[in-house]
């Protein structure tokens, strides 16, 4: 019985890892840079210079390697921090709770 539970638990961990990796990669592979979409590059509502775009990418961690971004994202999800809405400026978790 213990072996069965350990096997099921290990399978659940592998499945959870796979799902989180798929979600993260889907968000990164989809076309469109989120900062370009909200700046004048994407005809968004804000006008950012290239220097400001680079600073924003650094503050959001978008200039780090993909594995570092995944680790940070996974840690944030584990804490319940889903980020902030670009459009409303409110935490996503609060928007979901409404």
N, C-alpha and C. Protein backbone atom coordinates (compact mmCIF):
# COMPACT_ATOMS: atom_id res chain seq x y z
N UNK A 1 0.82 -1.19 0.00
CA UNK A 1 0.00 0.00 0.00
C UNK A 1 0.87 1.27 0.00
N UNK A 2 1.94 1.24 0.78
CA UNK A 2 2.84 2.40 0.84
C UNK A 2 3.51 2.63 -0.51
N UNK A 3 3.90 1.54 -1.14
CA UNK A 3 4.54 1.64 -2.46
C UNK A 3 3.55 2.22 -3.48
N UNK A 4 2.31 1.79 -3.43
CA UNK A 4 1.28 2.29 -4.33
C UNK A 4 1.09 3.80 -4.13
N UNK A 5 0.99 4.24 -2.87
CA UNK A 5 0.80 5.66 -2.59
C UNK A 5 2.01 6.48 -3.04
N UNK A 6 3.21 5.94 -2.83
CA UNK A 6 4.42 6.64 -3.25
C UNK A 6 4.45 6.78 -4.77
N UNK A 7 4.06 5.73 -5.47
CA UNK A 7 4.03 5.77 -6.93
C UNK A 7 3.01 6.79 -7.42
N UNK A 8 1.84 6.80 -6.82
CA UNK A 8 0.80 7.76 -7.21
C UNK A 8 1.24 9.20 -6.92
N UNK A 9 1.88 9.40 -5.77
CA UNK A 9 2.35 10.73 -5.40
C UNK A 9 3.43 11.20 -6.38
N UNK A 10 4.37 10.33 -6.72
CA UNK A 10 5.42 10.68 -7.68
C UNK A 10 4.82 11.00 -9.04
N UNK A 11 3.83 10.24 -9.45
CA UNK A 11 3.15 10.52 -10.71
C UNK A 11 2.45 11.86 -10.70
N UNK A 12 1.85 12.19 -9.57
CA UNK A 12 1.16 13.49 -9.45
C UNK A 12 2.16 14.64 -9.52
N UNK A 13 3.32 14.48 -8.90
CA UNK A 13 4.35 15.52 -8.94
C UNK A 13 4.85 15.72 -10.38
N UNK A 14 5.11 14.64 -11.07
CA UNK A 14 5.58 14.73 -12.46
C UNK A 14 4.51 15.38 -13.34
N UNK A 15 3.26 15.01 -13.14
CA UNK A 15 2.16 15.60 -13.92
C UNK A 15 2.03 17.09 -13.63
N UNK A 16 2.11 17.47 -12.37
CA UNK A 16 2.02 18.88 -11.99
C UNK A 16 3.17 19.68 -12.60
N UNK A 17 4.37 19.12 -12.56
CA UNK A 17 5.53 19.78 -13.18
C UNK A 17 5.30 19.96 -14.68
N UNK A 18 4.81 18.92 -15.33
CA UNK A 18 4.56 19.00 -16.77
C UNK A 18 3.52 20.04 -17.13
N UNK A 19 2.45 20.10 -16.35
CA UNK A 19 1.39 21.08 -16.61
C UNK A 19 1.91 22.50 -16.43
N UNK A 20 2.64 22.74 -15.33
CA UNK A 20 3.17 24.09 -15.11
C UNK A 20 4.16 24.48 -16.20
N UNK A 21 4.97 23.53 -16.64
CA UNK A 21 5.94 23.82 -17.70
C UNK A 21 5.22 24.14 -19.01
N UNK A 22 4.16 23.39 -19.33
CA UNK A 22 3.39 23.68 -20.54
C UNK A 22 2.73 25.05 -20.50
N UNK A 23 2.16 25.40 -19.35
CA UNK A 23 1.51 26.71 -19.21
C UNK A 23 2.54 27.83 -19.36
N UNK A 24 3.66 27.69 -18.67
CA UNK A 24 4.71 28.71 -18.74
C UNK A 24 5.22 28.87 -20.17
N UNK A 25 5.51 27.76 -20.82
CA UNK A 25 6.04 27.83 -22.18
C UNK A 25 5.00 28.39 -23.16
N UNK A 26 3.74 28.07 -22.95
CA UNK A 26 2.69 28.62 -23.82
C UNK A 26 2.65 30.14 -23.69
N UNK A 27 2.82 30.65 -22.48
CA UNK A 27 2.81 32.10 -22.29
C UNK A 27 4.02 32.75 -22.94
N UNK A 28 5.14 32.06 -22.98
CA UNK A 28 6.35 32.63 -23.56
C UNK A 28 6.41 32.47 -25.08
N UNK A 29 5.80 31.43 -25.61
CA UNK A 29 5.88 31.15 -27.04
C UNK A 29 4.85 31.95 -27.83
N UNK A 30 3.73 32.28 -27.22
CA UNK A 30 2.70 33.03 -27.94
C UNK A 30 3.28 34.33 -28.49
N UNK A 31 2.87 34.71 -29.68
CA UNK A 31 3.44 35.91 -30.29
C UNK A 31 3.05 37.16 -29.52
N UNK A 32 3.94 38.12 -29.56
CA UNK A 32 3.66 39.40 -28.94
C UNK A 32 4.39 39.58 -27.63
N UNK A 33 5.14 40.64 -27.56
CA UNK A 33 5.83 41.03 -26.34
C UNK A 33 4.84 41.84 -25.50
N UNK A 34 4.60 41.45 -24.24
CA UNK A 34 3.61 42.19 -23.45
C UNK A 34 3.95 43.66 -23.29
N UNK A 35 5.22 43.98 -23.17
CA UNK A 35 5.60 45.39 -23.05
C UNK A 35 5.40 46.14 -24.36
N UNK A 36 5.63 45.47 -25.47
CA UNK A 36 5.40 46.12 -26.76
C UNK A 36 3.91 46.37 -26.96
N UNK A 37 3.07 45.50 -26.42
CA UNK A 37 1.63 45.66 -26.58
C UNK A 37 1.09 46.87 -25.81
N UNK A 38 1.69 47.18 -24.65
CA UNK A 38 1.19 48.32 -23.88
C UNK A 38 1.93 49.61 -24.21
N UNK A 39 2.98 49.51 -25.01
CA UNK A 39 3.72 50.71 -25.39
C UNK A 39 3.32 51.13 -26.80
N UNK A 40 3.95 52.15 -27.28
CA UNK A 40 3.61 52.67 -28.61
C UNK A 40 3.97 51.69 -29.72
N UNK A 41 4.88 50.72 -29.46
CA UNK A 41 5.22 49.73 -30.48
C UNK A 41 3.99 48.94 -30.91
N UNK A 42 3.14 48.61 -29.95
CA UNK A 42 1.93 47.85 -30.26
C UNK A 42 0.70 48.74 -30.30
N UNK A 43 0.90 50.04 -30.50
CA UNK A 43 -0.19 51.01 -30.51
C UNK A 43 -0.95 51.00 -29.19
N UNK A 44 -0.23 50.76 -28.10
CA UNK A 44 -0.84 50.73 -26.77
C UNK A 44 -1.05 52.12 -26.22
N UNK A 45 -1.44 52.18 -24.96
CA UNK A 45 -1.79 53.45 -24.36
C UNK A 45 -0.60 54.21 -23.78
N UNK A 46 0.56 53.59 -23.66
CA UNK A 46 1.74 54.23 -23.09
C UNK A 46 2.81 54.41 -24.15
N UNK A 47 3.55 55.48 -24.05
CA UNK A 47 4.68 55.69 -24.94
C UNK A 47 5.95 55.51 -24.11
N UNK A 48 6.71 54.48 -24.45
CA UNK A 48 7.94 54.18 -23.73
C UNK A 48 9.11 54.25 -24.70
N UNK A 49 10.19 54.87 -24.25
CA UNK A 49 11.40 54.90 -25.06
C UNK A 49 12.07 53.53 -25.00
N UNK A 50 13.00 53.26 -25.91
CA UNK A 50 13.71 51.98 -25.85
C UNK A 50 14.42 51.75 -24.51
N UNK A 51 14.95 52.82 -23.93
CA UNK A 51 15.62 52.69 -22.62
C UNK A 51 14.60 52.32 -21.54
N UNK A 52 13.42 52.93 -21.60
CA UNK A 52 12.38 52.60 -20.63
C UNK A 52 11.87 51.18 -20.81
N UNK A 53 11.77 50.73 -22.06
CA UNK A 53 11.36 49.34 -22.33
C UNK A 53 12.38 48.36 -21.74
N UNK A 54 13.66 48.66 -21.93
CA UNK A 54 14.71 47.79 -21.39
C UNK A 54 14.66 47.76 -19.87
N UNK A 55 14.43 48.92 -19.25
CA UNK A 55 14.34 48.99 -17.79
C UNK A 55 13.12 48.21 -17.29
N UNK A 56 12.00 48.31 -18.01
CA UNK A 56 10.79 47.57 -17.63
C UNK A 56 11.01 46.07 -17.79
N UNK A 57 11.68 45.65 -18.85
CA UNK A 57 11.99 44.22 -19.04
C UNK A 57 12.85 43.70 -17.90
N UNK A 58 13.82 44.51 -17.48
CA UNK A 58 14.69 44.11 -16.37
C UNK A 58 13.91 44.03 -15.07
N UNK A 59 13.01 44.98 -14.82
CA UNK A 59 12.25 44.96 -13.57
C UNK A 59 11.26 43.80 -13.53
N UNK A 60 10.76 43.38 -14.69
CA UNK A 60 9.85 42.24 -14.76
C UNK A 60 10.58 40.90 -14.87
N UNK A 61 11.89 40.96 -15.04
CA UNK A 61 12.68 39.73 -15.14
C UNK A 61 12.65 39.10 -16.52
N UNK A 62 12.19 39.84 -17.52
CA UNK A 62 12.10 39.29 -18.88
C UNK A 62 13.45 39.21 -19.58
N UNK A 63 14.48 39.82 -18.98
CA UNK A 63 15.81 39.75 -19.57
C UNK A 63 16.64 38.59 -19.01
N UNK A 64 16.06 37.85 -18.07
CA UNK A 64 16.78 36.72 -17.47
C UNK A 64 16.59 35.47 -18.32
N UNK A 65 17.44 34.44 -18.11
CA UNK A 65 17.27 33.19 -18.85
C UNK A 65 15.91 32.55 -18.57
N UNK A 66 15.46 31.75 -19.51
CA UNK A 66 14.14 31.14 -19.42
C UNK A 66 13.98 30.28 -18.17
N UNK A 67 15.01 29.51 -17.80
CA UNK A 67 14.90 28.67 -16.61
C UNK A 67 14.78 29.50 -15.34
N UNK A 68 15.43 30.67 -15.30
CA UNK A 68 15.31 31.55 -14.13
C UNK A 68 13.91 32.17 -14.07
N UNK A 69 13.37 32.53 -15.23
CA UNK A 69 12.01 33.05 -15.27
C UNK A 69 11.01 32.00 -14.81
N UNK A 70 11.21 30.75 -15.24
CA UNK A 70 10.31 29.67 -14.84
C UNK A 70 10.37 29.45 -13.33
N UNK A 71 11.57 29.45 -12.77
CA UNK A 71 11.71 29.26 -11.32
C UNK A 71 11.02 30.37 -10.54
N UNK A 72 11.19 31.60 -10.97
CA UNK A 72 10.53 32.73 -10.29
C UNK A 72 9.02 32.64 -10.43
N UNK A 73 8.57 32.30 -11.63
CA UNK A 73 7.13 32.18 -11.88
C UNK A 73 6.52 31.08 -11.02
N UNK A 74 7.22 29.94 -10.94
CA UNK A 74 6.73 28.82 -10.15
C UNK A 74 6.67 29.18 -8.66
N UNK A 75 7.69 29.89 -8.17
CA UNK A 75 7.70 30.32 -6.77
C UNK A 75 6.56 31.30 -6.50
N UNK A 76 6.32 32.22 -7.44
CA UNK A 76 5.21 33.17 -7.27
C UNK A 76 3.87 32.45 -7.24
N UNK A 77 3.67 31.49 -8.13
CA UNK A 77 2.42 30.73 -8.18
C UNK A 77 2.23 29.96 -6.88
N UNK A 78 3.30 29.37 -6.36
CA UNK A 78 3.21 28.61 -5.11
C UNK A 78 2.81 29.51 -3.94
N UNK A 79 3.22 30.79 -3.99
CA UNK A 79 2.85 31.74 -2.94
C UNK A 79 1.46 32.34 -3.16
N UNK A 80 0.86 32.08 -4.31
CA UNK A 80 -0.45 32.66 -4.61
C UNK A 80 -0.35 34.02 -5.26
N UNK A 81 0.85 34.43 -5.64
CA UNK A 81 1.06 35.71 -6.31
C UNK A 81 0.92 35.51 -7.81
N UNK A 82 -0.20 35.92 -8.36
CA UNK A 82 -0.46 35.73 -9.79
C UNK A 82 -0.07 36.95 -10.61
N UNK A 83 0.50 37.96 -9.96
CA UNK A 83 0.95 39.16 -10.67
C UNK A 83 -0.10 40.26 -10.63
N UNK A 84 0.18 41.30 -11.40
CA UNK A 84 -0.71 42.45 -11.48
C UNK A 84 -1.22 42.60 -12.91
N UNK A 85 -2.43 43.08 -13.02
CA UNK A 85 -3.02 43.34 -14.33
C UNK A 85 -2.34 44.56 -14.95
N UNK A 86 -1.93 44.43 -16.21
CA UNK A 86 -1.35 45.57 -16.91
C UNK A 86 -2.40 46.65 -17.14
N UNK A 87 -3.64 46.25 -17.35
CA UNK A 87 -4.68 47.20 -17.71
C UNK A 87 -5.31 47.87 -16.50
N UNK A 88 -5.53 47.14 -15.43
CA UNK A 88 -6.19 47.71 -14.26
C UNK A 88 -5.23 48.06 -13.14
N UNK A 89 -4.06 47.47 -13.14
CA UNK A 89 -3.08 47.75 -12.09
C UNK A 89 -3.39 47.07 -10.77
N UNK A 90 -4.34 46.16 -10.76
CA UNK A 90 -4.74 45.45 -9.55
C UNK A 90 -4.15 44.05 -9.55
N UNK A 91 -3.99 43.45 -8.37
CA UNK A 91 -3.52 42.06 -8.33
C UNK A 91 -4.52 41.13 -9.01
N UNK A 92 -4.00 40.19 -9.79
CA UNK A 92 -4.84 39.25 -10.53
C UNK A 92 -5.68 38.40 -9.58
N UNK A 93 -5.10 38.01 -8.44
CA UNK A 93 -5.84 37.17 -7.50
C UNK A 93 -7.09 37.89 -6.99
N UNK A 94 -7.01 39.21 -6.80
CA UNK A 94 -8.20 39.96 -6.37
C UNK A 94 -9.24 40.01 -7.49
N UNK A 95 -8.79 40.15 -8.72
CA UNK A 95 -9.73 40.17 -9.84
C UNK A 95 -10.44 38.83 -9.99
N UNK A 96 -9.74 37.74 -9.74
CA UNK A 96 -10.35 36.41 -9.84
C UNK A 96 -11.37 36.21 -8.73
N UNK A 97 -11.10 36.74 -7.55
CA UNK A 97 -11.99 36.55 -6.40
C UNK A 97 -13.32 37.29 -6.57
N UNK A 98 -13.38 38.28 -7.44
CA UNK A 98 -14.63 39.04 -7.63
C UNK A 98 -15.67 38.25 -8.33
